[in-house]
């Protein structure tokens, strides 16, 4: 099943500690996109990404035209640079890139940016104990400080948490929640170092808004993140009559079928 870009992906694409707003009302855009196995070499049941699929991905990225785009299920560094170079030939230039590996040797997280990185803090080897066994974060976490213009920098976290695919060695929900706990610890550390930091958390978190792992990433006041996904302009953004519930904004989401075929990855 085809995965869709950015805010069309499974909930919680964009979270922020501050709006993406610059002094003098300048704005910039951040997107996130699960590329569904953007591989340049066949690995197990994961095939090489066909040229037709790559072309559709580039078409979507050009349509988004985001200033910064976080990518999930990226293959090797070579695959990332091939995508970047192909976009450049088609008129969309991303001079700056980051590629972060993790325990999973097949798919990774990556970032393309029109703005320079002033600091990089890749997290590639985080682990946790669950029921007496040690597990590693599968895809790592990307963390970069991006300078949009002189005097304005923001920190971007990108993650791809454990899929909802059942695995034999642990409960997939517990694995995802433990990864979310580690990600939230890194968010807290950044905010502790600079409580006024402009901070954005993006990615494929493989869960719904009210799930334990999602709530863990959002956190609690005073450092709770805000949901800044784009919503449909259809009149559903009125204040909720019950003030302690969020208004019923309609935002796109996407789910896999319950079962995956033998020759398809399940996220």
Protein backbone atom coordinates (compact mmCIF):
# COMPACT_ATOMS: atom_id res chain seq x y z
CA UNK A 1 0.00 0.00 0.00
CA UNK A 2 1.35 3.39 -0.96
CA UNK A 3 2.30 5.73 1.85
CA UNK A 4 1.54 9.41 1.55
CA UNK A 5 3.68 12.45 2.27
CA UNK A 6 3.91 14.70 5.25
CA UNK A 7 0.73 15.42 7.15
CA UNK A 8 -1.10 12.66 5.22
CA UNK A 9 0.86 10.09 7.20
CA UNK A 10 -0.21 8.28 10.36
CA UNK A 11 -1.03 10.79 13.09
CA UNK A 12 1.25 13.24 14.78
CA UNK A 13 3.31 14.42 11.87
CA UNK A 14 4.14 17.84 13.27
CA UNK A 15 4.51 18.88 16.89
CA UNK A 16 6.12 22.04 18.15
CA UNK A 17 7.01 23.87 21.32
CA UNK A 18 6.59 27.15 19.43
CA UNK A 19 4.82 28.15 16.19
CA UNK A 20 6.88 28.19 13.00
CA UNK A 21 6.81 31.97 12.91
CA UNK A 22 9.74 34.29 12.46
CA UNK A 23 10.19 37.92 13.41
CA UNK A 24 8.53 40.36 11.02
CA UNK A 25 5.89 37.72 10.15
CA UNK A 26 8.27 35.72 7.94
CA UNK A 27 7.37 32.04 7.78
CA UNK A 28 8.96 28.78 6.73
CA UNK A 29 7.63 25.28 6.21
CA UNK A 30 8.52 21.86 7.63
CA UNK A 31 7.15 18.57 6.29
CA UNK A 32 7.59 14.88 6.99
CA UNK A 33 7.31 11.97 4.55
CA UNK A 34 7.51 8.19 4.97
CA UNK A 35 9.04 7.00 1.67
CA UNK A 36 8.08 3.33 2.08
CA UNK A 37 11.43 1.60 1.62
CA UNK A 38 13.44 4.00 -0.53
CA UNK A 39 16.12 1.41 -1.20
CA UNK A 40 18.78 1.24 -3.89
CA UNK A 41 19.64 -2.40 -3.05
CA UNK A 42 17.25 -5.30 -2.41
CA UNK A 43 17.34 -6.41 1.24
CA UNK A 44 15.41 -9.56 2.18
CA UNK A 45 11.78 -8.98 1.21
CA UNK A 46 12.36 -5.24 0.70
CA UNK A 47 12.77 -4.58 -3.03
CA UNK A 48 14.67 -1.81 -4.78
CA UNK A 49 12.48 1.28 -5.17
CA UNK A 50 11.17 1.34 -8.76
CA UNK A 51 11.89 4.40 -10.89
CA UNK A 52 8.16 5.03 -11.30
CA UNK A 53 7.70 5.15 -7.52
CA UNK A 54 10.71 7.45 -7.15
CA UNK A 55 9.21 9.81 -9.72
CA UNK A 56 5.94 9.97 -7.78
CA UNK A 57 7.82 10.67 -4.56
CA UNK A 58 9.70 13.53 -6.20
CA UNK A 59 6.43 14.86 -7.59
CA UNK A 60 4.95 14.91 -4.08
CA UNK A 61 8.03 16.55 -2.58
CA UNK A 62 8.03 19.22 -5.28
CA UNK A 63 4.34 19.85 -4.59
CA UNK A 64 5.06 20.27 -0.88
CA UNK A 65 8.05 22.50 -1.64
CA UNK A 66 8.88 22.51 2.07
CA UNK A 67 11.92 24.40 3.30
CA UNK A 68 12.82 21.42 5.48
CA UNK A 69 11.59 17.87 4.96
CA UNK A 70 12.16 14.92 7.29
CA UNK A 71 12.19 11.50 5.64
CA UNK A 72 11.48 8.05 7.07
CA UNK A 73 12.26 4.64 5.57
CA UNK A 74 15.21 6.10 3.71
CA UNK A 75 17.77 3.57 2.54
CA UNK A 76 21.49 4.18 2.40
CA UNK A 77 23.27 7.52 2.27
CA UNK A 78 23.73 6.86 -1.44
CA UNK A 79 19.94 6.53 -1.85
CA UNK A 80 19.41 9.84 -0.04
CA UNK A 81 21.94 11.63 -2.24
CA UNK A 82 20.34 10.13 -5.37
CA UNK A 83 16.97 11.58 -4.28
CA UNK A 84 18.54 14.92 -3.45
CA UNK A 85 20.37 15.12 -6.78
CA UNK A 86 17.25 14.09 -8.71
CA UNK A 87 15.22 16.81 -7.00
CA UNK A 88 17.92 19.35 -7.81
CA UNK A 89 17.79 18.44 -11.52
CA UNK A 90 14.04 19.06 -11.35
CA UNK A 91 14.48 22.49 -9.77
CA UNK A 92 14.12 21.83 -6.04
CA UNK A 93 17.45 22.37 -4.29
CA UNK A 94 18.27 21.12 -0.80
CA UNK A 95 21.92 22.04 -0.11
CA UNK A 96 21.94 20.49 3.36
CA UNK A 97 21.21 16.91 4.41
CA UNK A 98 21.41 14.57 7.38
CA UNK A 99 21.26 10.75 7.40
CA UNK A 100 20.93 8.91 10.73
CA UNK A 101 21.28 5.16 11.13
CA UNK A 102 20.01 2.97 13.95
CA UNK A 103 19.78 -0.68 14.94
CA UNK A 104 17.80 -1.42 11.76
CA UNK A 105 20.40 -1.64 9.00
CA UNK A 106 17.87 -1.31 6.16
CA UNK A 107 15.79 1.85 6.66
CA UNK A 108 16.75 5.09 8.36
CA UNK A 109 15.65 8.65 9.09
CA UNK A 110 16.98 11.58 7.07
CA UNK A 111 16.50 15.32 6.59
CA UNK A 112 16.78 17.60 3.56
CA UNK A 113 16.99 21.33 4.21
CA UNK A 114 17.29 24.60 2.33
CA UNK A 115 18.76 26.10 5.51
CA UNK A 116 22.15 25.20 7.03
CA UNK A 117 22.62 22.98 10.07
CA UNK A 118 24.55 24.66 12.85
CA UNK A 119 24.62 21.58 15.12
CA UNK A 120 23.97 17.88 14.58
CA UNK A 121 23.22 15.46 17.42
CA UNK A 122 22.41 12.07 15.85
CA UNK A 123 21.15 9.40 18.25
CA UNK A 124 22.12 6.05 16.78
CA UNK A 125 22.56 3.58 19.64
CA UNK A 126 19.85 4.20 22.26
CA UNK A 127 18.53 1.18 24.13
CA UNK A 128 16.10 0.30 26.90
CA UNK A 129 15.21 -2.59 29.17
CA UNK A 130 11.79 -4.19 28.79
CA UNK A 131 10.81 -7.16 30.99
CA UNK A 132 14.45 -7.89 31.68
CA UNK A 133 15.56 -7.81 28.03
CA UNK A 134 17.49 -5.08 26.25
CA UNK A 135 16.16 -3.61 23.04
CA UNK A 136 17.58 -0.94 20.74
CA UNK A 137 15.74 1.93 19.07
CA UNK A 138 15.33 0.59 15.54
CA UNK A 139 15.70 3.71 13.39
CA UNK A 140 17.56 6.16 15.59
CA UNK A 141 16.58 9.79 16.18
CA UNK A 142 17.75 12.75 14.14
CA UNK A 143 18.34 16.00 16.04
CA UNK A 144 19.64 19.08 14.25
CA UNK A 145 19.73 22.82 14.91
CA UNK A 146 18.76 24.68 11.75
CA UNK A 147 19.50 28.36 11.13
CA UNK A 148 16.71 29.90 9.09
CA UNK A 149 18.28 33.36 9.12
CA UNK A 150 20.61 35.36 11.36
CA UNK A 151 19.10 35.48 14.83
CA UNK A 152 16.63 32.63 14.31
CA UNK A 153 17.44 28.94 14.82
CA UNK A 154 15.19 26.00 15.59
CA UNK A 155 15.80 22.43 16.70
CA UNK A 156 14.27 19.65 14.65
CA UNK A 157 13.76 16.11 15.94
CA UNK A 158 12.78 13.38 13.48
CA UNK A 159 11.82 9.83 14.44
CA UNK A 160 10.23 6.67 13.09
CA UNK A 161 8.89 4.64 15.99
CA UNK A 162 8.26 0.89 16.06
CA UNK A 163 5.59 -0.18 13.60
CA UNK A 164 2.31 -1.78 14.64
CA UNK A 165 3.45 -5.04 13.07
CA UNK A 166 3.43 -7.87 15.60
CA UNK A 167 6.88 -9.22 16.45
CA UNK A 168 7.72 -12.40 18.39
CA UNK A 169 10.13 -11.00 20.97
CA UNK A 170 7.95 -8.31 22.64
CA UNK A 171 4.67 -6.42 22.53
CA UNK A 172 4.90 -3.87 19.71
CA UNK A 173 2.95 -1.30 21.77
CA UNK A 174 5.39 -1.55 24.64
CA UNK A 175 8.37 -1.26 22.31
CA UNK A 176 6.89 1.85 20.70
CA UNK A 177 6.15 3.41 24.07
CA UNK A 178 9.71 2.81 25.29
CA UNK A 179 11.08 4.46 22.15
CA UNK A 180 8.72 7.38 22.76
CA UNK A 181 10.02 7.71 26.33
CA UNK A 182 13.60 7.98 25.06
CA UNK A 183 12.58 10.56 22.46
CA UNK A 184 10.76 12.62 25.07
CA UNK A 185 13.85 12.53 27.31
CA UNK A 186 15.85 14.12 24.51
CA UNK A 187 13.16 16.76 24.01
CA UNK A 188 13.21 17.51 27.74
CA UNK A 189 17.00 17.79 27.70
CA UNK A 190 16.89 20.33 24.88
CA UNK A 191 14.22 22.40 26.64
CA UNK A 192 16.11 22.20 29.92
CA UNK A 193 19.20 23.58 28.20
CA UNK A 194 17.13 26.36 26.61
CA UNK A 195 13.52 26.78 27.82
CA UNK A 196 12.92 29.32 25.02
CA UNK A 197 14.12 27.01 22.26
CA UNK A 198 12.16 26.87 19.02
CA UNK A 199 11.58 23.14 18.76
CA UNK A 200 9.76 20.94 16.24
CA UNK A 201 9.23 17.16 16.48
CA UNK A 202 8.24 15.32 13.31
CA UNK A 203 8.09 11.82 11.96
CA UNK A 204 6.11 8.63 11.65
CA UNK A 205 5.04 7.67 15.16
CA UNK A 206 2.83 4.75 14.08
CA UNK A 207 0.01 5.50 16.47
CA UNK A 208 -3.08 7.59 17.13
CA UNK A 209 -3.34 10.85 18.98
CA UNK A 210 -4.64 9.39 22.22
CA UNK A 211 -2.19 6.48 22.42
CA UNK A 212 0.30 6.19 25.31
CA UNK A 213 3.31 6.63 23.02
CA UNK A 214 1.86 9.76 21.41
CA UNK A 215 0.91 11.25 24.76
CA UNK A 216 4.45 10.54 25.98
CA UNK A 217 5.95 12.53 23.11
CA UNK A 218 3.54 15.43 23.59
CA UNK A 219 4.41 15.57 27.29
CA UNK A 220 2.90 17.66 30.05
CA UNK A 221 2.77 21.34 30.83
CA UNK A 222 4.73 23.56 30.95
CA UNK A 223 6.72 21.75 28.23
CA UNK A 224 3.87 20.09 26.35
CA UNK A 225 4.15 20.18 22.58
CA UNK A 226 1.44 21.61 20.36
CA UNK A 227 -0.13 19.82 17.43
CA UNK A 228 0.50 22.01 14.37
CA UNK A 229 -0.53 19.68 11.57
CA UNK A 230 -2.39 21.41 8.77
CA UNK A 231 -6.15 20.84 8.99
CA UNK A 232 -8.86 21.02 6.35
CA UNK A 233 -10.41 24.46 5.91
CA UNK A 234 -13.97 23.17 6.14
CA UNK A 235 -15.44 25.10 9.05
CA UNK A 236 -14.56 22.47 11.65
CA UNK A 237 -12.10 24.72 13.48
CA UNK A 238 -14.63 26.37 15.74
CA UNK A 239 -14.02 26.30 19.52
CA UNK A 240 -15.15 23.13 21.17
CA UNK A 241 -18.24 23.65 23.39
CA UNK A 242 -16.47 21.47 25.96
CA UNK A 243 -13.36 23.61 26.53
CA UNK A 244 -11.06 20.91 27.87
CA UNK A 245 -11.37 18.89 24.66
CA UNK A 246 -9.64 19.95 21.46
CA UNK A 247 -11.87 21.08 18.57
CA UNK A 248 -12.76 18.43 15.95
CA UNK A 249 -10.33 19.58 13.26
CA UNK A 250 -10.17 17.18 10.33
CA UNK A 251 -6.62 16.17 9.45
CA UNK A 252 -5.51 13.49 7.04
CA UNK A 253 -4.27 10.17 8.30
CA UNK A 254 -3.31 6.86 6.79
CA UNK A 255 -3.20 3.27 7.99
CA UNK A 256 -1.94 -0.03 6.66
CA UNK A 257 -4.31 -2.93 6.35
CA UNK A 258 -4.38 -5.29 9.29
CA UNK A 259 -2.14 -7.81 7.54
CA UNK A 260 0.74 -7.31 5.14
CA UNK A 261 1.59 -9.47 2.19
CA UNK A 262 4.70 -11.62 2.31
CA UNK A 263 6.58 -9.34 -0.08
CA UNK A 264 5.69 -6.02 1.57
CA UNK A 265 7.14 -4.28 4.61
CA UNK A 266 4.70 -3.33 7.36
CA UNK A 267 6.38 -0.07 8.41
